[in-house]
Amino acid sequence: IGGEGGTDYLTAEPGTGRVFVSRGTHVMVIDGATGKVIGDIPDTPRTHGIALASSSNHGFTTNAGDSTVTMFDLKTLAPIKKIKVTAGGLDGIMYDDFSDRVILTNHSRPIGTVVAIDAKTGDVVGTAELEDNAPEGAASDGRGKIFVNNEGKNTIQVLDDKSLKVLASWPLAPCDGPTGIAYDRATNRIFSGCGKTSVVVDPSSGKVVATIANGDGVDALGWDASQKLIYIPAGRDGNVTVVRQDSPDKYTVISTVATMRGAKTIAVDPVKHVA
């Protein structure tokens, strides 16, 4: 796609074909079908991730360079304001439709944090400390709980999405370095993307109920709920493992797609069914 800056996380806008790509100092918006650049969001220093809240027509980017979140108009891409996040270490970001909040997972020091932002107003409405200084992806169950992968301690922590109170911590062995995460609302299962061996967790018990063999260098995970497909990108091995969910506790690798070394993140459009 060309352009300046490296890449980290990317986010697909469901159904529109637009893909938001972090590029270090700006966010590039491309047409996923053609790869053509169709927009740009400037002044996002050391940007890592993008979250989209269609209900309020707002988008958000995490900017580690100045510890801010850029709030922008989802239709015009015009920046609305910069939100200061004093916790620092900004990295992951996701939108929780249950609480209508944007959830940040931060590599804060001395300990990692979760920060919640009101998607309508852009106000910071909560902060919680975690057990690890390297929290990665977060996912919502749509019923009031947030699940956060802790890359350093190889755990998932469970938080109440309104109070941000930590409710539980679950070990993920044999997972090493959990990063990307998704939740399947139909089967009540969590998918954690890990180096070489990803895991499936039953949140009713907090136990690992299945493992998935994949490549090394994973930094994200994609899930297409209606197609029952998991996508696990491996940056060191340069491939994506495509996995079919046969049942809540049974998973089959159906394809390993070659990409390129360093391609460690992924986004899925659950409407167009492309990754």
C-alpha atoms as a PDB file:
ATOM      1  CA  ILE A   1       0.000   0.000   0.000  1.00  0.00           C
ATOM      2  CA  GLY A   2       3.016   2.297   0.141  1.00  0.00           C
ATOM      3  CA  GLY A   3       3.041   5.364   2.361  1.00  0.00           C
ATOM      4  CA  GLU A   4       5.259   6.416   5.243  1.00  0.00           C
ATOM      5  CA  GLY A   5       5.755   4.686   8.571  1.00  0.00           C
ATOM      6  CA  GLY A   6       5.699   1.163   9.890  1.00  0.00           C
ATOM      7  CA  THR A   7       2.533  -0.677  10.800  1.00  0.00           C
ATOM      8  CA  ASP A   8       1.058  -2.189  13.934  1.00  0.00           C
ATOM      9  CA  TYR A   9      -2.614  -2.966  14.498  1.00  0.00           C
ATOM     10  CA  LEU A  10      -5.261  -2.515  11.838  1.00  0.00           C
ATOM     11  CA  THR A  11      -9.046  -2.417  12.104  1.00  0.00           C
ATOM     12  CA  ALA A  12     -11.666  -3.295   9.485  1.00  0.00           C
ATOM     13  CA  GLU A  13     -14.925  -1.346   9.532  1.00  0.00           C
ATOM     14  CA  PRO A  14     -17.683  -3.975   9.186  1.00  0.00           C
ATOM     15  CA  GLY A  15     -19.431  -3.882   5.827  1.00  0.00           C
ATOM     16  CA  THR A  16     -17.903  -0.693   4.412  1.00  0.00           C
ATOM     17  CA  GLY A  17     -14.636  -2.120   3.119  1.00  0.00           C
ATOM     18  CA  ARG A  18     -12.622   0.553   4.916  1.00  0.00           C
ATOM     19  CA  VAL A  19      -9.497  -0.600   6.732  1.00  0.00           C
ATOM     20  CA  PHE A  20      -7.743   1.633   9.268  1.00  0.00           C
ATOM     21  CA  VAL A  21      -3.986   1.012   9.414  1.00  0.00           C
ATOM     22  CA  SER A  22      -1.634   2.452  12.053  1.00  0.00           C
ATOM     23  CA  ARG A  23       1.448   3.967  10.365  1.00  0.00           C
ATOM     24  CA  GLY A  24       3.564   5.294  13.216  1.00  0.00           C
ATOM     25  CA  THR A  25       2.712   8.998  12.987  1.00  0.00           C
ATOM     26  CA  HIS A  26      -0.631   8.794  11.230  1.00  0.00           C
ATOM     27  CA  VAL A  27      -3.471   6.393  10.478  1.00  0.00           C
ATOM     28  CA  MET A  28      -4.006   5.442   6.854  1.00  0.00           C
ATOM     29  CA  VAL A  29      -7.484   4.512   5.661  1.00  0.00           C
ATOM     30  CA  ILE A  30      -7.605   2.202   2.663  1.00  0.00           C
ATOM     31  CA  ASP A  31     -10.195   0.468   0.534  1.00  0.00           C
ATOM     32  CA  GLY A  32      -9.765  -3.166   1.501  1.00  0.00           C
ATOM     33  CA  ALA A  33     -10.820  -4.411  -1.930  1.00  0.00           C
ATOM     34  CA  THR A  34      -8.380  -2.319  -3.973  1.00  0.00           C
ATOM     35  CA  GLY A  35      -5.680  -1.252  -1.509  1.00  0.00           C
ATOM     36  CA  LYS A  36      -6.252   2.343  -2.590  1.00  0.00           C
ATOM     37  CA  VAL A  37      -5.678   5.027   0.043  1.00  0.00           C
ATOM     38  CA  ILE A  38      -8.971   6.843   0.648  1.00  0.00           C
ATOM     39  CA  GLY A  39      -8.179   8.899   3.741  1.00  0.00           C
ATOM     40  CA  ASP A  40      -5.708   9.756   6.484  1.00  0.00           C
ATOM     41  CA  ILE A  41      -5.810  10.779  10.139  1.00  0.00           C
ATOM     42  CA  PRO A  42      -2.751  12.911  10.995  1.00  0.00           C
ATOM     43  CA  ASP A  43      -0.816  13.616  14.188  1.00  0.00           C
ATOM     44  CA  THR A  44      -1.001  10.236  15.907  1.00  0.00           C
ATOM     45  CA  PRO A  45       2.573   9.860  17.237  1.00  0.00           C
ATOM     46  CA  ARG A  46       3.635   6.218  17.763  1.00  0.00           C
ATOM     47  CA  THR A  47       0.107   5.094  17.080  1.00  0.00           C
ATOM     48  CA  HIS A  48      -0.663   1.455  17.812  1.00  0.00           C
ATOM     49  CA  GLY A  49      -4.376   0.708  17.451  1.00  0.00           C
ATOM     50  CA  ILE A  50      -7.739   1.932  16.227  1.00  0.00           C
ATOM     51  CA  ALA A  51     -11.231   1.366  17.639  1.00  0.00           C
ATOM     52  CA  LEU A  52     -14.489   2.253  15.903  1.00  0.00           C
ATOM     53  CA  ALA A  53     -17.730   3.151  17.699  1.00  0.00           C
ATOM     54  CA  SER A  54     -20.310   3.348  14.922  1.00  0.00           C
ATOM     55  CA  SER A  55     -23.169   4.096  17.336  1.00  0.00           C
ATOM     56  CA  SER A  56     -21.657   7.498  18.120  1.00  0.00           C
ATOM     57  CA  ASN A  57     -19.881   7.988  14.761  1.00  0.00           C
ATOM     58  CA  HIS A  58     -16.534   8.200  16.537  1.00  0.00           C
ATOM     59  CA  GLY A  59     -13.192   6.528  15.992  1.00  0.00           C
ATOM     60  CA  PHE A  60     -10.245   6.416  18.383  1.00  0.00           C
ATOM     61  CA  THR A  61      -6.488   5.852  18.049  1.00  0.00           C
ATOM     62  CA  THR A  62      -3.915   5.091  20.752  1.00  0.00           C
ATOM     63  CA  ASN A  63      -0.882   7.379  20.505  1.00  0.00           C
ATOM     64  CA  ALA A  64       2.005   6.204  22.696  1.00  0.00           C
ATOM     65  CA  GLY A  65       4.231   9.087  21.613  1.00  0.00           C
ATOM     66  CA  ASP A  66       2.301  11.721  23.544  1.00  0.00           C
ATOM     67  CA  SER A  67       0.071   9.497  25.733  1.00  0.00           C
ATOM     68  CA  THR A  68      -3.118  10.591  24.023  1.00  0.00           C
ATOM     69  CA  VAL A  69      -6.084   9.094  22.244  1.00  0.00           C
ATOM     70  CA  THR A  70      -7.223  10.846  19.077  1.00  0.00           C
ATOM     71  CA  MET A  71     -11.018  10.968  18.787  1.00  0.00           C
ATOM     72  CA  PHE A  72     -12.175  11.482  15.196  1.00  0.00           C
ATOM     73  CA  ASP A  73     -15.353  11.684  13.122  1.00  0.00           C
ATOM     74  CA  LEU A  74     -15.949   8.277  11.596  1.00  0.00           C
ATOM     75  CA  LYS A  75     -17.567   9.636   8.434  1.00  0.00           C
ATOM     76  CA  THR A  76     -15.265  12.564   7.612  1.00  0.00           C
ATOM     77  CA  LEU A  77     -12.142  11.309   9.465  1.00  0.00           C
ATOM     78  CA  ALA A  78     -11.716  14.825  10.873  1.00  0.00           C
ATOM     79  CA  PRO A  79     -10.016  14.861  14.308  1.00  0.00           C
ATOM     80  CA  ILE A  80     -12.372  15.991  17.082  1.00  0.00           C
ATOM     81  CA  LYS A  81     -10.008  16.151  20.040  1.00  0.00           C
ATOM     82  CA  LYS A  82      -7.038  14.565  21.759  1.00  0.00           C
ATOM     83  CA  ILE A  83      -7.730  12.816  25.049  1.00  0.00           C
ATOM     84  CA  LYS A  84      -4.875  12.787  27.567  1.00  0.00           C
ATOM     85  CA  VAL A  85      -4.261   9.420  29.231  1.00  0.00           C
ATOM     86  CA  THR A  86      -2.001   9.896  32.232  1.00  0.00           C
ATOM     87  CA  ALA A  87      -1.381   6.166  32.752  1.00  0.00           C
ATOM     88  CA  GLY A  88       0.954   6.138  29.732  1.00  0.00           C
ATOM     89  CA  GLY A  89       2.204   3.150  27.752  1.00  0.00           C
ATOM     90  CA  LEU A  90      -0.711   3.224  25.312  1.00  0.00           C
ATOM     91  CA  ASP A  91      -1.009   0.165  23.080  1.00  0.00           C
ATOM     92  CA  GLY A  92      -4.154  -1.921  22.557  1.00  0.00           C
ATOM     93  CA  ILE A  93      -7.667  -0.563  22.090  1.00  0.00           C
ATOM     94  CA  MET A  94     -11.147  -1.992  21.526  1.00  0.00           C
ATOM     95  CA  TYR A  95     -14.777  -0.855  21.566  1.00  0.00           C
ATOM     96  CA  ASP A  96     -17.156  -2.497  24.035  1.00  0.00           C
ATOM     97  CA  ASP A  97     -20.711  -2.269  22.733  1.00  0.00           C
ATOM     98  CA  PHE A  98     -22.240  -3.321  26.063  1.00  0.00           C
ATOM     99  CA  SER A  99     -20.955  -0.311  28.007  1.00  0.00           C
ATOM    100  CA  ASP A 100     -20.495   1.988  24.989  1.00  0.00           C
ATOM    101  CA  ARG A 101     -16.917   2.510  26.111  1.00  0.00           C
ATOM    102  CA  VAL A 102     -13.537   2.335  24.454  1.00  0.00           C
ATOM    103  CA  ILE A 103     -11.155   0.089  26.400  1.00  0.00           C
ATOM    104  CA  LEU A 104      -7.391   0.747  26.374  1.00  0.00           C
ATOM    105  CA  THR A 105      -4.792  -1.826  27.433  1.00  0.00           C
ATOM    106  CA  ASN A 106      -1.631   0.031  28.411  1.00  0.00           C
ATOM    107  CA  HIS A 107       1.974  -0.997  29.012  1.00  0.00           C
ATOM    108  CA  SER A 108       2.071   1.439  31.924  1.00  0.00           C
ATOM    109  CA  ARG A 109       4.847   1.451  34.503  1.00  0.00           C
ATOM    110  CA  PRO A 110       5.334   0.092  37.064  1.00  0.00           C
ATOM    111  CA  ILE A 111       2.246  -1.995  36.245  1.00  0.00           C
ATOM    112  CA  GLY A 112      -0.088  -2.286  33.271  1.00  0.00           C
ATOM    113  CA  THR A 113      -3.461  -0.594  33.243  1.00  0.00           C
ATOM    114  CA  VAL A 114      -6.875  -0.666  31.622  1.00  0.00           C
ATOM    115  CA  VAL A 115      -8.459   2.710  30.886  1.00  0.00           C
ATOM    116  CA  ALA A 116     -12.097   3.236  29.866  1.00  0.00           C
ATOM    117  CA  ILE A 117     -13.267   6.162  27.702  1.00  0.00           C
ATOM    118  CA  ASP A 118     -16.892   7.147  27.070  1.00  0.00           C
ATOM    119  CA  ALA A 119     -17.383   6.646  23.320  1.00  0.00           C
ATOM    120  CA  LYS A 120     -19.856   9.535  23.036  1.00  0.00           C
ATOM    121  CA  THR A 121     -18.060  12.233  25.020  1.00  0.00           C
ATOM    122  CA  GLY A 122     -14.444  11.130  24.883  1.00  0.00           C
ATOM    123  CA  ASP A 123     -14.150  11.465  28.670  1.00  0.00           C
ATOM    124  CA  VAL A 124     -11.895   9.121  30.641  1.00  0.00           C
ATOM    125  CA  VAL A 125     -14.298   7.339  32.996  1.00  0.00           C
ATOM    126  CA  GLY A 126     -12.168   4.703  34.696  1.00  0.00           C
ATOM    127  CA  THR A 127      -8.723   3.195  35.266  1.00  0.00           C
ATOM    128  CA  ALA A 128      -7.696  -0.146  36.741  1.00  0.00           C
ATOM    129  CA  GLU A 129      -4.334  -1.728  37.495  1.00  0.00           C
ATOM    130  CA  LEU A 130      -3.531  -5.198  36.177  1.00  0.00           C
ATOM    131  CA  GLU A 131      -1.134  -7.916  37.341  1.00  0.00           C
ATOM    132  CA  ASP A 132       1.266  -7.530  34.387  1.00  0.00           C
ATOM    133  CA  ASN A 133       3.021  -4.605  32.702  1.00  0.00           C
ATOM    134  CA  ALA A 134       2.428  -6.071  29.238  1.00  0.00           C
ATOM    135  CA  PRO A 135      -1.333  -6.341  28.712  1.00  0.00           C
ATOM    136  CA  GLU A 136      -2.220  -6.945  25.073  1.00  0.00           C
ATOM    137  CA  GLY A 137      -5.613  -7.555  23.465  1.00  0.00           C
ATOM    138  CA  ALA A 138      -8.983  -7.225  25.175  1.00  0.00           C
ATOM    139  CA  ALA A 139     -12.396  -8.655  24.292  1.00  0.00           C
ATOM    140  CA  SER A 140     -15.925  -8.162  25.614  1.00  0.00           C
ATOM    141  CA  ASP A 141     -18.528 -10.845  26.235  1.00  0.00           C
ATOM    142  CA  GLY A 142     -21.291  -8.317  25.528  1.00  0.00           C
ATOM    143  CA  ARG A 143     -22.793  -8.963  28.948  1.00  0.00           C
ATOM    144  CA  GLY A 144     -20.601  -6.920  31.256  1.00  0.00           C
ATOM    145  CA  LYS A 145     -17.200  -8.589  31.333  1.00  0.00           C
ATOM    146  CA  ILE A 146     -13.901  -7.690  29.691  1.00  0.00           C
ATOM    147  CA  PHE A 147     -11.140 -10.250  29.122  1.00  0.00           C
ATOM    148  CA  VAL A 148      -7.517  -9.039  28.924  1.00  0.00           C
ATOM    149  CA  ASN A 149      -4.511 -11.048  27.747  1.00  0.00           C
ATOM    150  CA  ASN A 150      -1.371 -10.549  29.869  1.00  0.00           C
ATOM    151  CA  GLU A 151       1.625 -11.352  27.678  1.00  0.00           C
ATOM    152  CA  GLY A 152       4.208 -11.467  30.463  1.00  0.00           C
ATOM    153  CA  LYS A 153       2.385 -13.621  32.999  1.00  0.00           C
ATOM    154  CA  ASN A 154       0.535 -15.790  30.446  1.00  0.00           C
ATOM    155  CA  THR A 155      -2.835 -15.098  32.002  1.00  0.00           C
ATOM    156  CA  ILE A 156      -6.259 -13.699  31.204  1.00  0.00           C
ATOM    157  CA  GLN A 157      -7.697 -11.235  33.678  1.00  0.00           C
ATOM    158  CA  VAL A 158     -11.448 -10.687  33.873  1.00  0.00           C
ATOM    159  CA  LEU A 159     -12.819  -7.218  34.628  1.00  0.00           C
ATOM    160  CA  ASP A 160     -16.283  -5.826  35.242  1.00  0.00           C
ATOM    161  CA  ASP A 161     -16.728  -3.432  32.336  1.00  0.00           C
ATOM    162  CA  LYS A 162     -18.537  -0.750  34.368  1.00  0.00           C
ATOM    163  CA  SER A 163     -16.525  -0.663  37.610  1.00  0.00           C
ATOM    164  CA  LEU A 164     -13.304  -2.072  36.045  1.00  0.00           C
ATOM    165  CA  LYS A 165     -12.944  -4.219  39.147  1.00  0.00           C
ATOM    166  CA  VAL A 166     -10.725  -7.251  38.518  1.00  0.00           C
ATOM    167  CA  LEU A 167     -12.857 -10.365  39.019  1.00  0.00           C
ATOM    168  CA  ALA A 168     -10.478 -13.215  38.190  1.00  0.00           C
ATOM    169  CA  SER A 169      -7.132 -14.261  36.733  1.00  0.00           C
ATOM    170  CA  TRP A 170      -6.751 -17.475  34.741  1.00  0.00           C
ATOM    171  CA  PRO A 171      -3.489 -19.205  33.738  1.00  0.00           C
ATOM    172  CA  LEU A 172      -3.248 -20.033  30.024  1.00  0.00           C
ATOM    173  CA  ALA A 173      -0.661 -22.847  29.914  1.00  0.00           C
ATOM    174  CA  PRO A 174       0.519 -24.130  27.461  1.00  0.00           C
ATOM    175  CA  CYS A 175       0.109 -20.691  25.859  1.00  0.00           C
ATOM    176  CA  ASP A 176       3.257 -18.550  25.815  1.00  0.00           C
ATOM    177  CA  GLY A 177       2.882 -14.817  25.268  1.00  0.00           C
ATOM    178  CA  PRO A 178      -0.871 -14.288  24.710  1.00  0.00           C
ATOM    179  CA  THR A 179      -1.556 -11.260  22.510  1.00  0.00           C
ATOM    180  CA  GLY A 180      -4.587 -11.263  20.202  1.00  0.00           C
ATOM    181  CA  ILE A 181      -7.944 -12.242  21.648  1.00  0.00           C
ATOM    182  CA  ALA A 182     -11.546 -12.755  20.566  1.00  0.00           C
ATOM    183  CA  TYR A 183     -14.737 -13.921  22.233  1.00  0.00           C
ATOM    184  CA  ASP A 184     -17.433 -16.076  20.636  1.00  0.00           C
ATOM    185  CA  ARG A 185     -20.799 -15.058  22.034  1.00  0.00           C
ATOM    186  CA  ALA A 186     -22.567 -18.077  20.537  1.00  0.00           C
ATOM    187  CA  THR A 187     -20.492 -20.735  22.302  1.00  0.00           C
ATOM    188  CA  ASN A 188     -19.116 -18.715  25.249  1.00  0.00           C
ATOM    189  CA  ARG A 189     -15.485 -19.306  24.353  1.00  0.00           C
ATOM    190  CA  ILE A 190     -12.387 -17.084  24.442  1.00  0.00           C
ATOM    191  CA  PHE A 191      -9.651 -17.461  21.825  1.00  0.00           C
ATOM    192  CA  SER A 192      -6.159 -16.321  22.866  1.00  0.00           C
ATOM    193  CA  GLY A 193      -3.494 -16.040  20.183  1.00  0.00           C
ATOM    194  CA  CYS A 194      -0.096 -17.224  21.411  1.00  0.00           C
ATOM    195  CA  GLY A 195       3.287 -18.138  19.976  1.00  0.00           C
ATOM    196  CA  LYS A 196       3.135 -21.631  18.383  1.00  0.00           C
ATOM    197  CA  THR A 197       0.223 -22.836  20.548  1.00  0.00           C
ATOM    198  CA  SER A 198      -2.954 -20.787  20.920  1.00  0.00           C
ATOM    199  CA  VAL A 199      -5.660 -21.686  23.413  1.00  0.00           C
ATOM    200  CA  VAL A 200      -9.433 -21.761  23.815  1.00  0.00           C
ATOM    201  CA  VAL A 201     -10.822 -20.903  27.252  1.00  0.00           C
ATOM    202  CA  ASP A 202     -14.225 -21.620  28.771  1.00  0.00           C
ATOM    203  CA  PRO A 203     -14.995 -18.514  30.871  1.00  0.00           C
ATOM    204  CA  SER A 204     -17.526 -20.480  32.913  1.00  0.00           C
ATOM    205  CA  SER A 205     -14.619 -22.316  34.516  1.00  0.00           C
ATOM    206  CA  GLY A 206     -11.567 -20.280  33.493  1.00  0.00           C
ATOM    207  CA  LYS A 207     -10.018 -23.465  32.104  1.00  0.00           C
ATOM    208  CA  VAL A 208      -8.229 -24.092  28.809  1.00  0.00           C
ATOM    209  CA  VAL A 209     -10.431 -26.523  26.869  1.00  0.00           C
ATOM    210  CA  ALA A 210      -8.577 -26.750  23.547  1.00  0.00           C
ATOM    211  CA  THR A 211      -5.255 -25.869  21.934  1.00  0.00           C
ATOM    212  CA  ILE A 212      -4.402 -24.832  18.372  1.00  0.00           C
ATOM    213  CA  ALA A 213      -1.040 -25.304  16.651  1.00  0.00           C
ATOM    214  CA  ASN A 214       0.042 -22.183  14.754  1.00  0.00           C
ATOM    215  CA  GLY A 215       3.126 -20.210  13.765  1.00  0.00           C
ATOM    216  CA  ASP A 216       5.451 -18.081  15.880  1.00  0.00           C
ATOM    217  CA  GLY A 217       5.406 -14.310  16.288  1.00  0.00           C
ATOM    218  CA  VAL A 218       1.674 -13.837  16.891  1.00  0.00           C
ATOM    219  CA  ASP A 219       0.481 -10.325  17.769  1.00  0.00           C
ATOM    220  CA  ALA A 220      -3.238 -10.453  16.923  1.00  0.00           C
ATOM    221  CA  LEU A 221      -6.136 -12.814  16.279  1.00  0.00           C
ATOM    222  CA  GLY A 222      -9.129 -12.520  13.973  1.00  0.00           C
ATOM    223  CA  TRP A 223     -12.556 -14.126  14.385  1.00  0.00           C
ATOM    224  CA  ASP A 224     -15.400 -14.383  11.893  1.00  0.00           C
ATOM    225  CA  ALA A 225     -18.316 -15.471  14.070  1.00  0.00           C
ATOM    226  CA  SER A 226     -20.801 -16.399  11.346  1.00  0.00           C
ATOM    227  CA  GLN A 227     -18.209 -18.376   9.367  1.00  0.00           C
ATOM    228  CA  LYS A 228     -16.781 -19.972  12.541  1.00  0.00           C
ATOM    229  CA  LEU A 229     -13.227 -19.171  11.413  1.00  0.00           C
ATOM    230  CA  ILE A 230     -10.241 -18.055  13.495  1.00  0.00           C
ATOM    231  CA  TYR A 231      -7.263 -16.337  11.849  1.00  0.00           C
ATOM    232  CA  ILE A 232      -3.895 -16.412  13.643  1.00  0.00           C
ATOM    233  CA  PRO A 233      -1.072 -14.387  12.011  1.00  0.00           C
ATOM    234  CA  ALA A 234       2.550 -15.346  12.694  1.00  0.00           C
ATOM    235  CA  GLY A 235       5.100 -12.630  11.965  1.00  0.00           C
ATOM    236  CA  ARG A 236       8.228 -14.718  12.498  1.00  0.00           C
ATOM    237  CA  ASP A 237       7.017 -17.587  10.340  1.00  0.00           C
ATOM    238  CA  GLY A 238       5.287 -15.376   7.775  1.00  0.00           C
ATOM    239  CA  ASN A 239       1.922 -17.122   7.651  1.00  0.00           C
ATOM    240  CA  VAL A 240      -1.673 -17.103   8.860  1.00  0.00           C
ATOM    241  CA  THR A 241      -3.223 -20.215  10.381  1.00  0.00           C
ATOM    242  CA  VAL A 242      -6.917 -20.528   9.494  1.00  0.00           C
ATOM    243  CA  VAL A 243      -8.909 -22.586  11.997  1.00  0.00           C
ATOM    244  CA  ARG A 244     -12.486 -23.871  11.859  1.00  0.00           C
ATOM    245  CA  GLN A 245     -14.554 -24.128  15.022  1.00  0.00           C
ATOM    246  CA  ASP A 246     -16.258 -27.531  14.786  1.00  0.00           C
ATOM    247  CA  SER A 247     -17.811 -27.316  18.242  1.00  0.00           C
ATOM    248  CA  PRO A 248     -17.127 -25.273  21.382  1.00  0.00           C
ATOM    249  CA  ASP A 249     -14.175 -27.486  22.305  1.00  0.00           C
ATOM    250  CA  LYS A 250     -13.042 -28.850  18.916  1.00  0.00           C
ATOM    251  CA  TYR A 251     -10.963 -26.904  16.362  1.00  0.00           C
ATOM    252  CA  THR A 252      -9.435 -27.935  13.041  1.00  0.00           C
ATOM    253  CA  VAL A 253      -6.645 -26.190  11.142  1.00  0.00           C
ATOM    254  CA  ILE A 254      -7.947 -25.973   7.573  1.00  0.00           C
ATOM    255  CA  SER A 255      -5.229 -23.868   5.962  1.00  0.00           C
ATOM    256  CA  THR A 256      -1.871 -22.204   6.486  1.00  0.00           C
ATOM    257  CA  VAL A 257      -1.587 -19.178   4.213  1.00  0.00           C
ATOM    258  CA  ALA A 258       1.834 -17.734   3.385  1.00  0.00           C
ATOM    259  CA  THR A 259       2.184 -13.991   4.007  1.00  0.00           C
ATOM    260  CA  MET A 260       5.548 -12.346   4.710  1.00  0.00           C
ATOM    261  CA  ARG A 261       7.950 -12.103   7.618  1.00  0.00           C
ATOM    262  CA  GLY A 262       6.795  -9.393  10.004  1.00  0.00           C
ATOM    263  CA  ALA A 263       3.092  -9.688   9.122  1.00  0.00           C
ATOM    264  CA  LYS A 264       1.975 -10.229  12.709  1.00  0.00           C
ATOM    265  CA  THR A 265      -1.410  -8.466  12.927  1.00  0.00           C
ATOM    266  CA  ILE A 266      -4.740  -9.003  11.204  1.00  0.00           C
ATOM    267  CA  ALA A 267      -8.275  -7.610  10.968  1.00  0.00           C
ATOM    268  CA  VAL A 268     -11.468  -9.384   9.921  1.00  0.00           C
ATOM    269  CA  ASP A 269     -14.520  -7.820   8.282  1.00  0.00           C
ATOM    270  CA  PRO A 270     -17.344  -9.983   9.702  1.00  0.00           C
ATOM    271  CA  VAL A 271     -19.813  -8.707   7.103  1.00  0.00           C
ATOM    272  CA  LYS A 272     -17.733  -9.144   3.953  1.00  0.00           C
ATOM    273  CA  HIS A 273     -16.001 -12.225   5.437  1.00  0.00           C
ATOM    274  CA  VAL A 274     -12.485 -11.194   4.468  1.00  0.00           C
ATOM    275  CA  ALA A 275      -9.336 -10.946   6.573  1.00  0.00           C
END
